[in-house]
Amino acid sequence: MLQIKGSDVLKEFDIKTAKESIGKDIEINACVHKVRQMSGFAFIILRTGRYIVQTVYSPEECSDSIDGIKEGCFVSLTGTVNEFEKAPGGVEIHLKSIKLISKPEYDYPLQVSHKKLGCSLDVNLDLRSVALRNPYEKAVFKLQEGIVSGFRGFMLDNNFTEIHTPKIVAQGAEGGANIFKLDYFDKEAFLNQSPQFYKQTAVAIFDRVFEIAPVYRAERHATSRHLNEYIGLDFEMGFIDSMYDVMNMETAMLRHVVEYLKEHYQHELSIVGANLPEINDIPSVTFLEAMEILKGRGKNKFDLEPEDEVFLCEYAKKEFNSEFIFVTHFPAAKRPFYAMNDKEDPRAALSFDLLFRGLEITTGGQRIHNYTEQIEKMNSMGMDLADFESYLDIHKYGMPPHGGLGIGLERLLMKLLDLQNIRQASMFPRDLNRLLP
């Protein structure tokens, strides 16, 4: 922590502020990242909430002893800021005092001070409270923060209202068996699969809404791309002409997020070595066109398989120099009941997926806004209307043409950083086998 003299506010240490304090004394609260004993002096490398800071201890300049100070200790110190190009961030602090605040009972079971931990993913996740202290691991989640901040800023700048919807619900938005059941007093309840119903309700009130919140899917998948709890970046917008309005909004948002990361998170981007995409116009193909591009590789006539997504992204990169590709007009039979069917071909839904670097990161589309049309589609799918009485109220009392989407935050982060497993993009992942830590 960097204390601003004459103020009651303690501010987090910042490299920029430190560089502006060359020759001045500052105070820092931090964790000892590493101690390197030299002949007659020592480098005490500190870890703050964001940065690695190099300090120099010598008994001639600092009267306090560093006996017992080791990796994992939390300390409070004062020192003079010097410019030193080879030090992290280009600054080095010569210590005048150092006080031990707290000391760990046990040594770290992982190589926290190494560039990367060098352990298996299971060990990383089992020892998460230690693993996340590693600068690389920490940088991943600072970048996750950056995605969320960029998304929220873009939404607010474009007149979207942020909403917060229930996660305990009476029925799932997606239906099916992939839903967690709860004992809710004397009623049966579920963990919400999507904020879909509430987003649509809120469009009739605010015109444009968004939410950043957990989503729950009881899918029995143990793959590198699935989680049972993840963070959804959702938005819904009214008064659209077509689903392409939604797709254009997402394209602009993603472009903004990438630029936001470049502007505000260069420190973390350099740590993880991220190769961020250039986003211009994103190409789009229909599902039928995608099947033709796959040339018989597609085994599923109603959806895309993981290997199909990889092939289509390779195609987009080669043909359009884009790492993204939209696939639209999926078969209506396999899309949710609220998806609007194409008036020109009712077998297709006005629904899309966005693929990025071989993985679906978004599902979205235009929703049914007409009451009679929604009733007819639900009846055609054999649904019990009584189960959706409150949802149908929004159609009954009127709403504008609208559409929206949901993005998996962890999937987006995973692909932006070229991580191999989605669990690396979740601070404390929940999957088929993991409920701790």
Protein backbone atom coordinates (compact mmCIF):
# COMPACT_ATOMS: atom_id res chain seq x y z
CA MET A 1 0.00 0.00 0.00
CA LEU A 2 1.27 3.47 -0.88
CA GLN A 3 0.43 6.02 1.79
CA ILE A 4 -0.16 9.56 0.60
CA LYS A 5 1.14 11.78 3.38
CA GLY A 6 -1.35 14.24 4.76
CA SER A 7 -4.28 12.05 3.76
CA ASP A 8 -6.37 9.49 5.62
CA VAL A 9 -6.67 7.38 2.48
CA LEU A 10 -4.33 4.46 1.86
CA LYS A 11 -3.92 3.83 -1.84
CA GLU A 12 -2.75 0.63 -3.50
CA PHE A 13 0.85 0.76 -4.71
CA ASP A 14 1.01 1.84 -8.34
CA ILE A 15 4.07 1.82 -10.57
CA LYS A 16 3.08 5.12 -12.20
CA THR A 17 2.78 6.82 -8.81
CA ALA A 18 6.07 5.31 -7.69
CA LYS A 19 7.84 6.66 -10.79
CA GLU A 20 6.46 10.08 -9.95
CA SER A 21 8.01 9.73 -6.49
CA ILE A 22 11.66 9.21 -7.51
CA GLY A 23 13.88 10.43 -4.66
CA LYS A 24 10.99 10.52 -2.20
CA ASP A 25 10.11 8.21 0.68
CA ILE A 26 7.03 6.03 0.44
CA GLU A 27 5.35 3.47 2.67
CA ILE A 28 4.23 0.07 1.37
CA ASN A 29 2.26 -2.80 2.87
CA ALA A 30 2.88 -5.99 0.89
CA CYS A 31 3.69 -9.69 0.90
CA VAL A 32 7.25 -10.96 0.59
CA HIS A 33 7.46 -12.68 -2.77
CA LYS A 34 11.09 -13.73 -2.58
CA VAL A 35 14.25 -13.00 -0.58
CA ARG A 36 17.62 -13.04 -2.33
CA GLN A 37 20.52 -12.82 0.09
CA MET A 38 23.63 -11.20 -1.36
CA SER A 39 27.00 -10.33 0.14
CA GLY A 40 26.31 -7.56 2.65
CA PHE A 41 22.78 -6.79 1.44
CA ALA A 42 19.56 -8.47 0.28
CA PHE A 43 16.91 -8.03 -2.37
CA ILE A 44 13.46 -8.35 -0.82
CA ILE A 45 11.00 -8.78 -3.66
CA LEU A 46 7.47 -7.75 -2.71
CA ARG A 47 4.10 -8.72 -4.11
CA THR A 48 1.29 -6.19 -3.93
CA GLY A 49 -2.26 -6.59 -5.16
CA ARG A 50 -1.05 -5.99 -8.72
CA TYR A 51 2.70 -5.51 -8.94
CA ILE A 52 6.07 -7.06 -8.13
CA VAL A 53 8.30 -4.50 -6.40
CA GLN A 54 12.04 -4.79 -5.85
CA THR A 55 13.44 -3.45 -2.60
CA VAL A 56 17.04 -3.37 -1.37
CA TYR A 57 17.95 -4.00 2.26
CA SER A 58 21.27 -3.09 3.79
CA PRO A 59 21.99 -2.83 7.53
CA GLU A 60 23.69 0.53 6.94
CA GLU A 61 20.47 2.14 5.62
CA CYS A 62 17.85 0.14 7.54
CA SER A 63 18.11 -0.35 11.29
CA ASP A 64 15.51 -3.14 11.37
CA SER A 65 16.60 -6.76 11.14
CA ILE A 66 15.26 -9.02 8.40
CA ASP A 67 15.87 -12.18 10.39
CA GLY A 68 12.79 -14.39 10.09
CA ILE A 69 11.42 -12.49 7.10
CA LYS A 70 10.83 -14.98 4.30
CA GLU A 71 8.54 -15.78 1.39
CA GLY A 72 4.90 -15.40 2.44
CA CYS A 73 5.47 -12.89 5.24
CA PHE A 74 3.34 -9.74 5.20
CA VAL A 75 5.35 -6.62 5.95
CA SER A 76 5.07 -2.87 6.27
CA LEU A 77 8.05 -0.85 5.10
CA THR A 78 9.31 2.59 4.19
CA GLY A 79 12.02 3.43 1.72
CA THR A 80 13.35 5.80 -0.89
CA VAL A 81 12.26 5.32 -4.48
CA ASN A 82 15.11 5.06 -6.99
CA GLU A 83 14.95 4.69 -10.72
CA PHE A 84 16.45 1.37 -11.88
CA GLU A 85 15.68 0.15 -15.39
CA LYS A 86 16.38 -3.53 -14.67
CA ALA A 87 13.95 -3.71 -11.75
CA PRO A 88 10.28 -4.62 -12.26
CA GLY A 89 8.48 -1.50 -13.40
CA GLY A 90 11.76 0.41 -13.59
CA VAL A 91 11.86 1.39 -9.90
CA GLU A 92 13.67 0.08 -6.85
CA ILE A 93 13.07 0.99 -3.21
CA HIS A 94 15.97 1.32 -0.76
CA LEU A 95 14.64 0.34 2.64
CA LYS A 96 14.74 2.57 5.69
CA SER A 97 12.44 0.44 7.85
CA ILE A 98 10.70 -2.91 7.64
CA LYS A 99 8.19 -4.34 10.12
CA LEU A 100 6.77 -7.86 10.16
CA ILE A 101 2.95 -7.81 10.17
CA SER A 102 2.24 -11.54 9.97
CA LYS A 103 4.16 -14.73 9.26
CA PRO A 104 2.93 -17.97 7.68
CA GLU A 105 2.92 -21.13 9.81
CA TYR A 106 3.88 -23.26 6.81
CA ASP A 107 6.02 -22.78 3.72
CA TYR A 108 4.26 -22.56 0.36
CA PRO A 109 3.63 -26.00 -1.20
CA LEU A 110 4.02 -24.44 -4.67
CA GLN A 111 6.69 -22.36 -6.41
CA VAL A 112 4.75 -19.11 -6.12
CA SER A 113 7.69 -16.87 -7.03
CA HIS A 114 8.36 -18.70 -10.32
CA LYS A 115 7.09 -17.26 -13.59
CA LYS A 116 4.63 -20.17 -13.80
CA LEU A 117 3.75 -22.70 -11.14
CA GLY A 118 4.81 -25.74 -13.16
CA CYS A 119 2.31 -28.07 -11.49
CA SER A 120 -0.66 -30.03 -12.82
CA LEU A 121 -4.04 -28.36 -13.12
CA ASP A 122 -5.50 -30.59 -10.40
CA VAL A 123 -2.76 -29.60 -7.96
CA ASN A 124 -3.25 -25.96 -8.92
CA LEU A 125 -6.99 -26.18 -8.20
CA ASP A 126 -6.57 -28.22 -5.00
CA LEU A 127 -4.15 -25.59 -3.63
CA ARG A 128 -5.98 -22.63 -5.13
CA SER A 129 -5.47 -20.25 -2.21
CA VAL A 130 -1.72 -20.56 -2.73
CA ALA A 131 -1.69 -20.94 -6.52
CA LEU A 132 -3.51 -17.65 -7.07
CA ARG A 133 -0.64 -15.78 -5.38
CA ASN A 134 1.53 -16.56 -8.39
CA PRO A 135 1.81 -13.44 -10.62
CA TYR A 136 0.76 -15.32 -13.77
CA GLU A 137 -2.31 -16.83 -12.11
CA LYS A 138 -3.23 -13.50 -10.58
CA ALA A 139 -2.84 -11.68 -13.91
CA VAL A 140 -5.43 -14.00 -15.49
CA PHE A 141 -8.07 -12.77 -13.08
CA LYS A 142 -7.08 -9.13 -13.30
CA LEU A 143 -7.75 -9.54 -17.03
CA GLN A 144 -11.08 -11.15 -16.19
CA GLU A 145 -11.83 -8.00 -14.22
CA GLY A 146 -10.84 -5.98 -17.29
CA ILE A 147 -13.28 -7.85 -19.53
CA VAL A 148 -16.11 -7.25 -17.06
CA SER A 149 -15.21 -3.57 -16.64
CA GLY A 150 -14.99 -3.06 -20.39
CA PHE A 151 -18.30 -4.85 -20.94
CA ARG A 152 -20.07 -2.86 -18.23
CA GLY A 153 -18.65 0.45 -19.46
CA PHE A 154 -19.73 -0.22 -23.03
CA MET A 155 -23.23 -1.21 -21.98
CA LEU A 156 -23.70 1.89 -19.84
CA ASP A 157 -22.31 4.14 -22.58
CA ASN A 158 -24.90 2.66 -24.96
CA ASN A 159 -27.86 3.32 -22.66
CA PHE A 160 -28.25 -0.18 -21.24
CA THR A 161 -29.53 -0.44 -17.66
CA GLU A 162 -27.77 -2.91 -15.35
CA ILE A 163 -30.19 -5.31 -13.66
CA HIS A 164 -29.85 -8.06 -11.04
CA THR A 165 -32.18 -11.03 -11.41
CA PRO A 166 -33.02 -14.03 -9.21
CA LYS A 167 -30.90 -17.15 -9.31
CA ILE A 168 -33.50 -19.22 -7.44
CA VAL A 169 -36.45 -19.73 -9.79
CA ALA A 170 -39.62 -21.74 -10.27
CA GLN A 171 -38.71 -22.98 -13.75
CA GLY A 172 -35.65 -22.98 -15.96
CA ALA A 173 -35.33 -20.74 -19.00
CA GLU A 174 -33.81 -23.54 -21.06
CA GLY A 175 -35.84 -26.43 -19.62
CA GLY A 176 -34.64 -30.00 -19.96
CA ALA A 177 -32.84 -32.14 -17.42
CA ASN A 178 -29.75 -29.94 -17.14
CA ILE A 179 -31.04 -27.94 -14.19
CA PHE A 180 -30.13 -28.06 -10.50
CA LYS A 181 -33.08 -28.72 -8.16
CA LEU A 182 -33.41 -27.13 -4.73
CA ASP A 183 -35.56 -27.72 -1.67
CA TYR A 184 -37.09 -24.28 -1.26
CA PHE A 185 -39.07 -24.51 1.97
CA ASP A 186 -42.16 -26.53 0.90
CA LYS A 187 -41.70 -25.90 -2.83
CA GLU A 188 -39.51 -27.24 -5.59
CA ALA A 189 -37.15 -24.64 -7.01
CA PHE A 190 -34.18 -24.51 -9.37
CA LEU A 191 -30.92 -22.68 -9.90
CA ASN A 192 -31.39 -20.43 -12.89
CA GLN A 193 -29.94 -21.57 -16.22
CA SER A 194 -30.18 -18.07 -17.67
CA PRO A 195 -31.59 -14.62 -16.81
CA GLN A 196 -33.57 -14.86 -20.07
CA PHE A 197 -37.11 -14.43 -18.70
CA TYR A 198 -36.12 -11.48 -16.54
CA LYS A 199 -34.08 -9.81 -19.30
CA GLN A 200 -37.11 -9.92 -21.58
CA THR A 201 -39.34 -8.56 -18.84
CA ALA A 202 -36.93 -5.71 -18.20
CA VAL A 203 -36.76 -4.76 -21.90
CA ALA A 204 -40.42 -3.75 -21.67
CA ILE A 205 -39.40 -1.41 -18.84
CA PHE A 206 -35.93 -0.07 -19.68
CA ASP A 207 -35.61 -0.79 -23.46
CA ARG A 208 -32.02 -2.04 -23.03
CA VAL A 209 -30.66 -4.11 -20.13
CA PHE A 210 -27.61 -6.13 -19.18
CA GLU A 211 -26.47 -8.37 -16.34
CA ILE A 212 -23.20 -9.88 -15.12
CA ALA A 213 -24.04 -12.83 -12.90
CA PRO A 214 -23.67 -16.58 -12.26
CA VAL A 215 -25.39 -19.12 -14.49
CA TYR A 216 -25.95 -22.76 -13.51
CA ARG A 217 -26.05 -25.77 -15.81
CA ALA A 218 -26.38 -29.32 -14.44
CA GLU A 219 -24.60 -30.82 -17.43
CA ARG A 220 -22.66 -34.00 -16.79
CA HIS A 221 -19.70 -32.90 -18.87
CA ALA A 222 -16.10 -33.29 -17.73
CA THR A 223 -14.43 -31.52 -20.63
CA SER A 224 -11.93 -28.69 -21.01
CA ARG A 225 -14.74 -26.33 -22.12
CA HIS A 226 -17.56 -26.92 -19.60
CA LEU A 227 -18.32 -25.61 -16.12
CA ASN A 228 -21.46 -26.13 -14.05
CA GLU A 229 -21.32 -22.61 -12.67
CA TYR A 230 -20.03 -19.77 -14.78
CA ILE A 231 -20.41 -16.02 -15.15
CA GLY A 232 -22.74 -14.86 -17.89
CA LEU A 233 -22.38 -11.54 -19.66
CA ASP A 234 -25.94 -11.02 -20.84
CA PHE A 235 -27.71 -8.22 -22.62
CA GLU A 236 -31.13 -7.71 -24.18
CA MET A 237 -32.21 -4.81 -26.38
CA GLY A 238 -35.58 -3.60 -27.63
CA PHE A 239 -36.79 -1.94 -30.82
CA ILE A 240 -34.55 -4.04 -33.06
CA ASP A 241 -35.17 -4.62 -36.75
CA SER A 242 -33.51 -8.04 -36.79
CA MET A 243 -31.07 -10.26 -34.93
CA TYR A 244 -28.30 -8.55 -36.90
CA ASP A 245 -28.76 -5.50 -34.65
CA VAL A 246 -27.80 -7.72 -31.72
CA MET A 247 -24.83 -9.15 -33.63
CA ASN A 248 -23.62 -5.66 -34.54
CA MET A 249 -23.91 -4.57 -30.92
CA GLU A 250 -21.84 -7.55 -29.79
CA THR A 251 -19.18 -6.85 -32.42
CA ALA A 252 -18.86 -3.25 -31.21
CA MET A 253 -18.77 -4.38 -27.59
CA LEU A 254 -16.01 -6.95 -28.17
CA ARG A 255 -13.98 -4.38 -30.08
CA HIS A 256 -14.34 -2.00 -27.13
CA VAL A 257 -13.36 -4.68 -24.59
CA VAL A 258 -10.17 -5.56 -26.48
CA GLU A 259 -9.17 -1.90 -26.71
CA TYR A 260 -10.03 -1.42 -23.03
CA LEU A 261 -7.69 -4.28 -22.09
CA LYS A 262 -4.90 -2.80 -24.20
CA GLU A 263 -5.34 0.59 -22.56
CA HIS A 264 -5.75 -0.41 -18.91
CA TYR A 265 -4.18 -3.87 -18.52
CA GLN A 266 -0.88 -3.83 -20.41
CA HIS A 267 0.90 -4.94 -17.25
CA GLU A 268 -1.12 -8.17 -17.05
CA LEU A 269 -1.11 -8.71 -20.81
CA SER A 270 2.69 -8.70 -20.76
CA ILE A 271 2.78 -11.21 -17.89
CA VAL A 272 0.54 -13.75 -19.64
CA GLY A 273 1.86 -13.00 -23.12
CA ALA A 274 -1.63 -12.53 -24.53
CA ASN A 275 -2.21 -12.23 -28.26
CA LEU A 276 -5.38 -10.17 -28.47
CA PRO A 277 -7.43 -10.35 -31.68
CA GLU A 278 -8.02 -7.53 -34.11
CA ILE A 279 -11.77 -7.05 -34.44
CA ASN A 280 -13.21 -5.37 -37.50
CA ASP A 281 -16.36 -6.72 -39.13
CA ILE A 282 -17.13 -10.29 -38.07
CA PRO A 283 -18.11 -12.61 -40.95
CA SER A 284 -21.42 -14.46 -40.79
CA VAL A 285 -22.67 -17.69 -42.35
CA THR A 286 -25.98 -19.49 -41.99
CA PHE A 287 -26.13 -22.94 -40.44
CA LEU A 288 -26.81 -24.46 -43.87
CA GLU A 289 -23.81 -22.62 -45.30
CA ALA A 290 -21.73 -23.86 -42.39
CA MET A 291 -22.77 -27.43 -43.22
CA GLU A 292 -21.57 -26.89 -46.78
CA ILE A 293 -18.26 -25.48 -45.54
CA LEU A 294 -17.82 -28.52 -43.33
CA LYS A 295 -18.22 -30.72 -46.44
CA GLY A 296 -19.70 -33.71 -44.72
CA ARG A 297 -17.58 -33.38 -41.57
CA GLY A 298 -20.60 -32.26 -39.56
CA LYS A 299 -22.07 -35.30 -37.80
CA ASN A 300 -24.97 -33.39 -36.21
CA LYS A 301 -27.69 -32.12 -38.56
CA PHE A 302 -29.13 -29.79 -35.91
CA ASP A 303 -26.12 -28.28 -34.14
CA LEU A 304 -22.36 -27.80 -34.30
CA GLU A 305 -19.98 -30.25 -32.66
CA PRO A 306 -16.73 -29.03 -31.03
CA GLU A 307 -14.65 -30.15 -34.00
CA ASP A 308 -17.03 -28.26 -36.32
CA GLU A 309 -16.43 -25.06 -34.38
CA VAL A 310 -12.67 -25.50 -34.72
CA PHE A 311 -12.93 -26.07 -38.49
CA LEU A 312 -15.22 -23.08 -39.03
CA CYS A 313 -12.86 -20.78 -37.14
CA GLU A 314 -9.95 -22.01 -39.25
CA TYR A 315 -12.08 -21.28 -42.32
CA ALA A 316 -12.86 -17.75 -41.07
CA LYS A 317 -9.21 -17.05 -40.40
CA LYS A 318 -8.21 -18.24 -43.86
CA GLU A 319 -11.06 -16.70 -45.87
CA PHE A 320 -11.80 -13.50 -43.91
CA ASN A 321 -8.71 -13.01 -41.71
CA SER A 322 -11.04 -13.08 -38.73
CA GLU A 323 -10.69 -15.10 -35.54
CA PHE A 324 -14.46 -14.78 -35.05
CA ILE A 325 -17.37 -16.07 -37.09
CA PHE A 326 -21.13 -15.86 -36.56
CA VAL A 327 -23.28 -18.86 -37.46
CA THR A 328 -26.97 -17.92 -37.88
CA HIS A 329 -30.34 -19.53 -38.60
CA PHE A 330 -29.98 -22.70 -36.57
CA PRO A 331 -32.70 -25.35 -36.92
CA ALA A 332 -35.71 -24.14 -34.93
CA ALA A 333 -36.31 -27.60 -33.46
CA LYS A 334 -33.12 -27.34 -31.39
CA ARG A 335 -33.42 -23.74 -30.26
CA PRO A 336 -35.37 -22.50 -27.17
CA PHE A 337 -39.11 -21.85 -27.31
CA TYR A 338 -38.61 -18.09 -27.04
CA ALA A 339 -36.50 -17.94 -30.23
CA MET A 340 -38.36 -16.37 -33.14
CA ASN A 341 -38.69 -18.53 -36.23
CA ASP A 342 -37.69 -17.13 -39.60
CA LYS A 343 -40.84 -15.99 -41.39
CA GLU A 344 -39.33 -16.96 -44.75
CA ASP A 345 -38.35 -20.44 -43.54
CA PRO A 346 -40.00 -21.46 -40.24
CA ARG A 347 -37.68 -24.46 -40.01
CA ALA A 348 -34.91 -22.03 -39.06
CA ALA A 349 -34.74 -19.86 -35.94
CA LEU A 350 -33.50 -16.29 -35.90
CA SER A 351 -30.75 -17.45 -33.61
CA PHE A 352 -26.97 -17.32 -33.77
CA ASP A 353 -23.75 -18.51 -32.16
CA LEU A 354 -20.48 -16.62 -32.14
CA LEU A 355 -17.38 -18.78 -32.48
CA PHE A 356 -13.94 -17.55 -31.45
CA ARG A 357 -10.69 -19.45 -31.87
CA GLY A 358 -12.49 -22.76 -32.21
CA LEU A 359 -15.06 -22.37 -29.44
CA GLU A 360 -18.64 -21.11 -29.13
CA ILE A 361 -18.58 -18.16 -26.73
CA THR A 362 -22.04 -16.67 -27.40
CA THR A 363 -25.58 -17.76 -28.12
CA GLY A 364 -28.17 -15.15 -29.01
CA GLY A 365 -30.91 -14.09 -31.38
CA GLN A 366 -34.27 -12.42 -31.82
CA ARG A 367 -37.03 -13.34 -29.37
CA ILE A 368 -40.76 -13.72 -29.92
CA HIS A 369 -42.53 -10.58 -28.72
CA ASN A 370 -46.09 -11.28 -29.94
CA TYR A 371 -48.35 -13.04 -27.41
CA THR A 372 -50.26 -15.19 -29.93
CA GLU A 373 -47.07 -16.21 -31.72
CA GLN A 374 -45.43 -17.24 -28.45
CA ILE A 375 -48.47 -19.28 -27.40
CA GLU A 376 -48.56 -21.05 -30.75
CA LYS A 377 -44.90 -21.99 -30.59
CA MET A 378 -45.13 -23.29 -27.04
CA ASN A 379 -48.20 -25.36 -27.95
CA SER A 380 -46.40 -26.77 -30.98
CA MET A 381 -43.59 -27.90 -28.66
CA GLY A 382 -46.02 -29.59 -26.27
CA MET A 383 -45.29 -27.23 -23.38
CA ASP A 384 -47.63 -26.69 -20.44
CA LEU A 385 -48.58 -23.01 -20.57
CA ALA A 386 -49.58 -23.02 -16.91
CA ASP A 387 -45.90 -23.47 -15.98
CA PHE A 388 -45.04 -20.21 -17.73
CA GLU A 389 -47.91 -17.96 -16.72
CA SER A 390 -45.73 -15.19 -15.25
CA TYR A 391 -43.38 -15.30 -18.25
CA LEU A 392 -46.29 -14.98 -20.68
CA ASP A 393 -47.49 -11.88 -18.85
CA ILE A 394 -44.78 -9.84 -20.55
CA HIS A 395 -46.14 -10.86 -23.95
CA LYS A 396 -49.74 -10.44 -22.83
CA TYR A 397 -49.21 -6.83 -21.82
CA GLY A 398 -46.99 -5.91 -24.76
CA MET A 399 -43.32 -5.60 -25.54
CA PRO A 400 -41.21 -4.27 -28.45
CA PRO A 401 -39.34 -6.41 -30.97
CA HIS A 402 -36.22 -7.43 -29.08
CA GLY A 403 -33.24 -9.74 -28.94
CA GLY A 404 -30.15 -10.41 -26.96
CA LEU A 405 -27.41 -12.82 -26.09
CA GLY A 406 -25.36 -14.49 -23.40
CA ILE A 407 -21.57 -14.73 -23.34
CA GLY A 408 -19.63 -17.12 -21.14
CA LEU A 409 -17.05 -14.96 -19.38
CA GLU A 410 -14.71 -17.85 -18.67
CA ARG A 411 -14.86 -19.08 -22.26
CA LEU A 412 -14.09 -15.62 -23.60
CA LEU A 413 -11.18 -15.20 -21.19
CA MET A 414 -9.91 -18.70 -21.96
CA LYS A 415 -9.71 -17.96 -25.67
CA LEU A 416 -8.36 -14.43 -25.33
CA LEU A 417 -5.43 -15.84 -23.36
CA ASP A 418 -5.15 -19.13 -25.28
CA LEU A 419 -5.61 -21.18 -22.10
CA GLN A 420 -5.99 -24.92 -22.54
CA ASN A 421 -8.73 -25.54 -19.97
CA ILE A 422 -11.67 -23.40 -18.91
CA ARG A 423 -10.89 -24.14 -15.25
CA GLN A 424 -7.80 -21.96 -15.66
CA ALA A 425 -10.18 -19.07 -16.34
CA SER A 426 -12.32 -19.67 -13.24
CA MET A 427 -11.01 -18.53 -9.88
CA PHE A 428 -12.75 -21.34 -7.98
CA PRO A 429 -14.27 -23.61 -10.64
CA ARG A 430 -17.35 -25.75 -10.09
CA ASP A 431 -17.64 -28.79 -12.30
CA LEU A 432 -18.86 -32.38 -12.21
CA ASN A 433 -16.23 -33.40 -9.66
CA ARG A 434 -15.18 -30.23 -7.85
CA LEU A 435 -17.04 -28.48 -5.05
CA LEU A 436 -13.94 -27.37 -3.07
CA PRO A 437 -12.14 -25.14 -2.38
